[in-house]
Amino acid sequence: MESYETLSVAIAALKKQGYTIDFNLKKNGIICSEGKHNFSPSEFEIDKSFRFDVNEDPSDQSVLYAISSHDHKIKGLLVNGYGIYSDTLTNELLDKLK
């Protein structure tokens, strides 16, 4: 099982594995940072996820997702906070991200 000491190290390593697109959350799915692709939860898979806690400070808690869409032949990364700082999302998307 892979593990990384920091978020930046994890991002660099996963980009070398082909996860080159930056994704952002939207209420009912994810969107490519370039705005070219929107994906509903049924259109992508979470390949790997990594949680990072820095000094147990809630503002420094994040999760990194390595995401792929086989139909669209695209792989990328999504970084999000968790706990009290997580975004408001649809139940379908939350289930996918668990």
N, C-alpha and C. Protein backbone atom coordinates (compact mmCIF):
# COMPACT_ATOMS: atom_id res chain seq x y z
N MET A 1 0.84 -1.19 0.00
CA MET A 1 0.00 0.00 0.00
C MET A 1 0.88 1.24 0.00
N GLU A 2 0.55 2.15 -0.86
CA GLU A 2 1.30 3.40 -0.95
C GLU A 2 0.95 4.31 0.23
N SER A 3 1.95 5.05 0.67
CA SER A 3 1.71 6.11 1.65
C SER A 3 2.73 7.21 1.38
N TYR A 4 2.35 8.42 1.72
CA TYR A 4 3.20 9.57 1.47
C TYR A 4 3.22 10.44 2.72
N GLU A 5 4.37 11.05 2.95
CA GLU A 5 4.54 11.86 4.14
C GLU A 5 3.78 13.19 4.05
N THR A 6 3.75 13.78 2.85
CA THR A 6 3.07 15.07 2.69
C THR A 6 2.18 15.05 1.45
N LEU A 7 1.27 15.98 1.42
CA LEU A 7 0.37 16.14 0.28
C LEU A 7 1.15 16.44 -1.00
N SER A 8 2.12 17.32 -0.92
CA SER A 8 2.88 17.70 -2.12
C SER A 8 3.68 16.53 -2.69
N VAL A 9 4.22 15.69 -1.83
CA VAL A 9 4.96 14.51 -2.28
C VAL A 9 3.99 13.54 -2.96
N ALA A 10 2.82 13.36 -2.39
CA ALA A 10 1.81 12.46 -2.97
C ALA A 10 1.37 12.96 -4.35
N ILE A 11 1.12 14.25 -4.46
CA ILE A 11 0.71 14.81 -5.75
C ILE A 11 1.78 14.59 -6.81
N ALA A 12 3.02 14.86 -6.47
CA ALA A 12 4.12 14.67 -7.42
C ALA A 12 4.23 13.21 -7.86
N ALA A 13 4.12 12.29 -6.92
CA ALA A 13 4.23 10.86 -7.24
C ALA A 13 3.07 10.39 -8.12
N LEU A 14 1.87 10.82 -7.81
CA LEU A 14 0.71 10.41 -8.59
C LEU A 14 0.70 11.03 -9.98
N LYS A 15 1.20 12.23 -10.11
CA LYS A 15 1.31 12.83 -11.44
C LYS A 15 2.26 12.01 -12.32
N LYS A 16 3.32 11.46 -11.73
CA LYS A 16 4.23 10.58 -12.47
C LYS A 16 3.54 9.29 -12.90
N GLN A 17 2.47 8.91 -12.19
CA GLN A 17 1.69 7.72 -12.52
C GLN A 17 0.58 8.01 -13.52
N GLY A 18 0.53 9.25 -14.03
CA GLY A 18 -0.45 9.59 -15.06
C GLY A 18 -1.66 10.36 -14.59
N TYR A 19 -1.75 10.68 -13.33
CA TYR A 19 -2.87 11.47 -12.80
C TYR A 19 -2.54 12.95 -12.97
N THR A 20 -2.70 13.44 -14.18
CA THR A 20 -2.20 14.77 -14.54
C THR A 20 -3.26 15.87 -14.55
N ILE A 21 -4.52 15.52 -14.56
CA ILE A 21 -5.58 16.53 -14.62
C ILE A 21 -5.94 16.96 -13.19
N ASP A 22 -6.18 18.25 -13.00
CA ASP A 22 -6.64 18.76 -11.71
C ASP A 22 -8.16 18.83 -11.74
N PHE A 23 -8.80 18.14 -10.80
CA PHE A 23 -10.25 18.16 -10.69
C PHE A 23 -10.68 19.05 -9.54
N ASN A 24 -11.88 19.61 -9.66
CA ASN A 24 -12.51 20.39 -8.61
C ASN A 24 -13.89 19.82 -8.35
N LEU A 25 -14.36 19.94 -7.12
CA LEU A 25 -15.69 19.49 -6.77
C LEU A 25 -16.74 20.47 -7.24
N LYS A 26 -17.86 19.94 -7.64
CA LYS A 26 -19.06 20.75 -7.81
C LYS A 26 -20.17 19.98 -7.13
N LYS A 27 -21.30 20.58 -6.93
CA LYS A 27 -22.34 20.00 -6.09
C LYS A 27 -22.71 18.58 -6.49
N ASN A 28 -22.80 18.28 -7.77
CA ASN A 28 -23.27 16.97 -8.20
C ASN A 28 -22.22 16.18 -8.98
N GLY A 29 -20.95 16.50 -8.81
CA GLY A 29 -19.91 15.76 -9.51
C GLY A 29 -18.57 16.45 -9.39
N ILE A 30 -17.73 16.19 -10.39
CA ILE A 30 -16.43 16.85 -10.44
C ILE A 30 -16.26 17.50 -11.80
N ILE A 31 -15.39 18.48 -11.86
CA ILE A 31 -15.13 19.20 -13.09
C ILE A 31 -13.62 19.32 -13.28
N CYS A 32 -13.19 19.21 -14.50
CA CYS A 32 -11.79 19.42 -14.84
C CYS A 32 -11.47 20.89 -14.63
N SER A 33 -10.32 21.19 -14.07
CA SER A 33 -9.97 22.58 -13.77
C SER A 33 -9.94 23.44 -15.03
N GLU A 34 -9.73 22.82 -16.18
CA GLU A 34 -9.75 23.55 -17.44
C GLU A 34 -11.17 23.80 -17.94
N GLY A 35 -12.16 23.19 -17.27
CA GLY A 35 -13.56 23.37 -17.64
C GLY A 35 -13.99 22.56 -18.84
N LYS A 36 -13.14 21.66 -19.33
CA LYS A 36 -13.46 20.89 -20.53
C LYS A 36 -14.34 19.68 -20.24
N HIS A 37 -14.29 19.15 -19.03
CA HIS A 37 -15.01 17.92 -18.71
C HIS A 37 -15.74 18.06 -17.39
N ASN A 38 -16.99 17.62 -17.37
CA ASN A 38 -17.79 17.49 -16.16
C ASN A 38 -18.13 16.02 -16.00
N PHE A 39 -18.02 15.49 -14.79
CA PHE A 39 -18.30 14.09 -14.55
C PHE A 39 -19.29 13.93 -13.41
N SER A 40 -20.31 13.14 -13.65
CA SER A 40 -21.22 12.75 -12.58
C SER A 40 -20.57 11.59 -11.83
N PRO A 41 -21.03 11.25 -10.64
CA PRO A 41 -20.41 10.15 -9.89
C PRO A 41 -20.34 8.83 -10.65
N SER A 42 -21.29 8.58 -11.54
CA SER A 42 -21.27 7.31 -12.28
C SER A 42 -20.22 7.28 -13.39
N GLU A 43 -19.60 8.42 -13.69
CA GLU A 43 -18.64 8.50 -14.80
C GLU A 43 -17.18 8.43 -14.37
N PHE A 44 -16.92 8.28 -13.07
CA PHE A 44 -15.52 8.21 -12.63
C PHE A 44 -15.37 7.23 -11.49
N GLU A 45 -14.14 6.81 -11.27
CA GLU A 45 -13.80 5.90 -10.18
C GLU A 45 -12.73 6.53 -9.31
N ILE A 46 -12.80 6.26 -8.02
CA ILE A 46 -11.74 6.65 -7.09
C ILE A 46 -10.76 5.48 -7.05
N ASP A 47 -9.58 5.68 -7.60
CA ASP A 47 -8.57 4.61 -7.63
C ASP A 47 -7.82 4.50 -6.31
N LYS A 48 -7.53 5.64 -5.71
CA LYS A 48 -6.76 5.69 -4.45
C LYS A 48 -7.18 6.94 -3.70
N SER A 49 -7.03 6.90 -2.39
CA SER A 49 -7.25 8.10 -1.59
C SER A 49 -6.25 8.13 -0.44
N PHE A 50 -5.87 9.34 -0.05
CA PHE A 50 -4.88 9.54 1.00
C PHE A 50 -5.33 10.69 1.88
N ARG A 51 -5.31 10.48 3.18
CA ARG A 51 -5.67 11.54 4.13
C ARG A 51 -4.40 12.11 4.76
N PHE A 52 -4.43 13.42 4.96
CA PHE A 52 -3.29 14.11 5.55
C PHE A 52 -3.77 14.98 6.70
N ASP A 53 -3.13 14.82 7.85
CA ASP A 53 -3.40 15.63 9.04
C ASP A 53 -2.09 16.30 9.43
N VAL A 54 -2.08 17.60 9.43
CA VAL A 54 -0.88 18.34 9.82
C VAL A 54 -1.14 18.94 11.19
N ASN A 55 -0.38 18.49 12.17
CA ASN A 55 -0.47 19.02 13.53
C ASN A 55 -1.87 18.95 14.13
N GLU A 56 -2.69 18.07 13.65
CA GLU A 56 -4.06 17.89 14.13
C GLU A 56 -4.86 19.19 14.10
N ASP A 57 -4.47 20.12 13.27
CA ASP A 57 -5.19 21.38 13.08
C ASP A 57 -6.28 21.14 12.02
N PRO A 58 -7.57 21.35 12.36
CA PRO A 58 -8.64 21.10 11.39
C PRO A 58 -8.48 21.84 10.07
N SER A 59 -7.84 22.99 10.08
CA SER A 59 -7.66 23.73 8.83
C SER A 59 -6.60 23.10 7.94
N ASP A 60 -5.81 22.18 8.49
CA ASP A 60 -4.76 21.51 7.72
C ASP A 60 -5.12 20.06 7.37
N GLN A 61 -6.36 19.68 7.51
CA GLN A 61 -6.78 18.33 7.18
C GLN A 61 -7.26 18.29 5.74
N SER A 62 -6.73 17.33 4.99
CA SER A 62 -7.14 17.22 3.59
C SER A 62 -7.13 15.77 3.16
N VAL A 63 -7.80 15.53 2.06
CA VAL A 63 -7.81 14.20 1.45
C VAL A 63 -7.50 14.38 -0.03
N LEU A 64 -6.66 13.49 -0.54
CA LEU A 64 -6.27 13.50 -1.95
C LEU A 64 -6.87 12.28 -2.61
N TYR A 65 -7.58 12.49 -3.71
CA TYR A 65 -8.19 11.40 -4.47
C TYR A 65 -7.49 11.28 -5.82
N ALA A 66 -7.12 10.04 -6.18
CA ALA A 66 -6.64 9.73 -7.53
C ALA A 66 -7.85 9.18 -8.27
N ILE A 67 -8.25 9.87 -9.33
CA ILE A 67 -9.52 9.60 -10.01
C ILE A 67 -9.27 9.24 -11.46
N SER A 68 -10.06 8.29 -11.96
CA SER A 68 -9.99 7.97 -13.38
C SER A 68 -11.39 7.82 -13.96
N SER A 69 -11.47 8.08 -15.25
CA SER A 69 -12.68 7.84 -16.02
C SER A 69 -12.27 7.01 -17.23
N HIS A 70 -12.63 5.73 -17.20
CA HIS A 70 -12.23 4.85 -18.29
C HIS A 70 -12.94 5.22 -19.59
N ASP A 71 -14.21 5.65 -19.49
CA ASP A 71 -14.95 6.03 -20.69
C ASP A 71 -14.33 7.23 -21.39
N HIS A 72 -13.82 8.17 -20.60
CA HIS A 72 -13.25 9.40 -21.16
C HIS A 72 -11.72 9.35 -21.27
N LYS A 73 -11.14 8.23 -20.80
CA LYS A 73 -9.68 8.04 -20.86
C LYS A 73 -8.92 9.23 -20.25
N ILE A 74 -9.26 9.51 -19.00
CA ILE A 74 -8.68 10.64 -18.30
C ILE A 74 -8.38 10.24 -16.85
N LYS A 75 -7.27 10.74 -16.32
CA LYS A 75 -6.89 10.48 -14.93
C LYS A 75 -6.43 11.79 -14.30
N GLY A 76 -6.83 11.99 -13.05
CA GLY A 76 -6.43 13.22 -12.39
C GLY A 76 -6.56 13.15 -10.89
N LEU A 77 -6.36 14.30 -10.26
CA LEU A 77 -6.33 14.41 -8.81
C LEU A 77 -7.35 15.43 -8.31
N LEU A 78 -7.88 15.14 -7.15
CA LEU A 78 -8.81 16.03 -6.48
C LEU A 78 -8.36 16.15 -5.03
N VAL A 79 -8.18 17.37 -4.56
CA VAL A 79 -7.82 17.62 -3.16
C VAL A 79 -9.00 18.32 -2.51
N ASN A 80 -9.39 17.81 -1.33
CA ASN A 80 -10.51 18.42 -0.62
C ASN A 80 -10.24 18.37 0.88
N GLY A 81 -10.81 19.31 1.59
CA GLY A 81 -10.77 19.25 3.04
C GLY A 81 -11.76 18.22 3.53
N TYR A 82 -11.65 17.81 4.78
CA TYR A 82 -12.66 16.93 5.35
C TYR A 82 -12.97 17.39 6.75
N GLY A 83 -13.91 16.73 7.37
CA GLY A 83 -14.35 17.17 8.69
C GLY A 83 -15.22 18.41 8.54
N ILE A 84 -15.03 19.37 9.42
CA ILE A 84 -15.90 20.54 9.43
C ILE A 84 -15.67 21.45 8.22
N TYR A 85 -14.58 21.24 7.48
CA TYR A 85 -14.28 22.10 6.35
C TYR A 85 -14.63 21.48 5.00
N SER A 86 -15.28 20.33 4.98
CA SER A 86 -15.59 19.70 3.70
C SER A 86 -16.72 20.46 3.00
N ASP A 87 -16.73 20.35 1.68
CA ASP A 87 -17.72 21.05 0.88
C ASP A 87 -19.10 20.38 0.98
N THR A 88 -20.15 21.15 0.70
CA THR A 88 -21.50 20.62 0.64
C THR A 88 -21.68 19.94 -0.71
N LEU A 89 -22.02 18.65 -0.68
CA LEU A 89 -22.12 17.86 -1.89
C LEU A 89 -23.39 17.03 -1.88
N THR A 90 -23.74 16.50 -3.04
CA THR A 90 -24.90 15.62 -3.11
C THR A 90 -24.58 14.29 -2.43
N ASN A 91 -25.60 13.60 -1.99
CA ASN A 91 -25.41 12.30 -1.32
C ASN A 91 -24.72 11.30 -2.23
N GLU A 92 -25.05 11.29 -3.51
CA GLU A 92 -24.45 10.37 -4.46
C GLU A 92 -22.94 10.60 -4.55
N LEU A 93 -22.54 11.86 -4.60
CA LEU A 93 -21.13 12.17 -4.67
C LEU A 93 -20.43 11.86 -3.36
N LEU A 94 -21.06 12.15 -2.23
CA LEU A 94 -20.48 11.83 -0.93
C LEU A 94 -20.25 10.32 -0.79
N ASP A 95 -21.21 9.53 -1.25
CA ASP A 95 -21.05 8.07 -1.19
C ASP A 95 -19.85 7.62 -2.01
N LYS A 96 -19.65 8.24 -3.15
CA LYS A 96 -18.53 7.89 -4.02
C LYS A 96 -17.21 8.23 -3.34
N LEU A 97 -17.16 9.33 -2.62
CA LEU A 97 -15.93 9.80 -2.01
C LEU A 97 -15.61 9.13 -0.67
N LYS A 98 -16.50 8.29 -0.16
CA LYS A 98 -16.26 7.61 1.13
C LYS A 98 -15.26 6.49 0.95
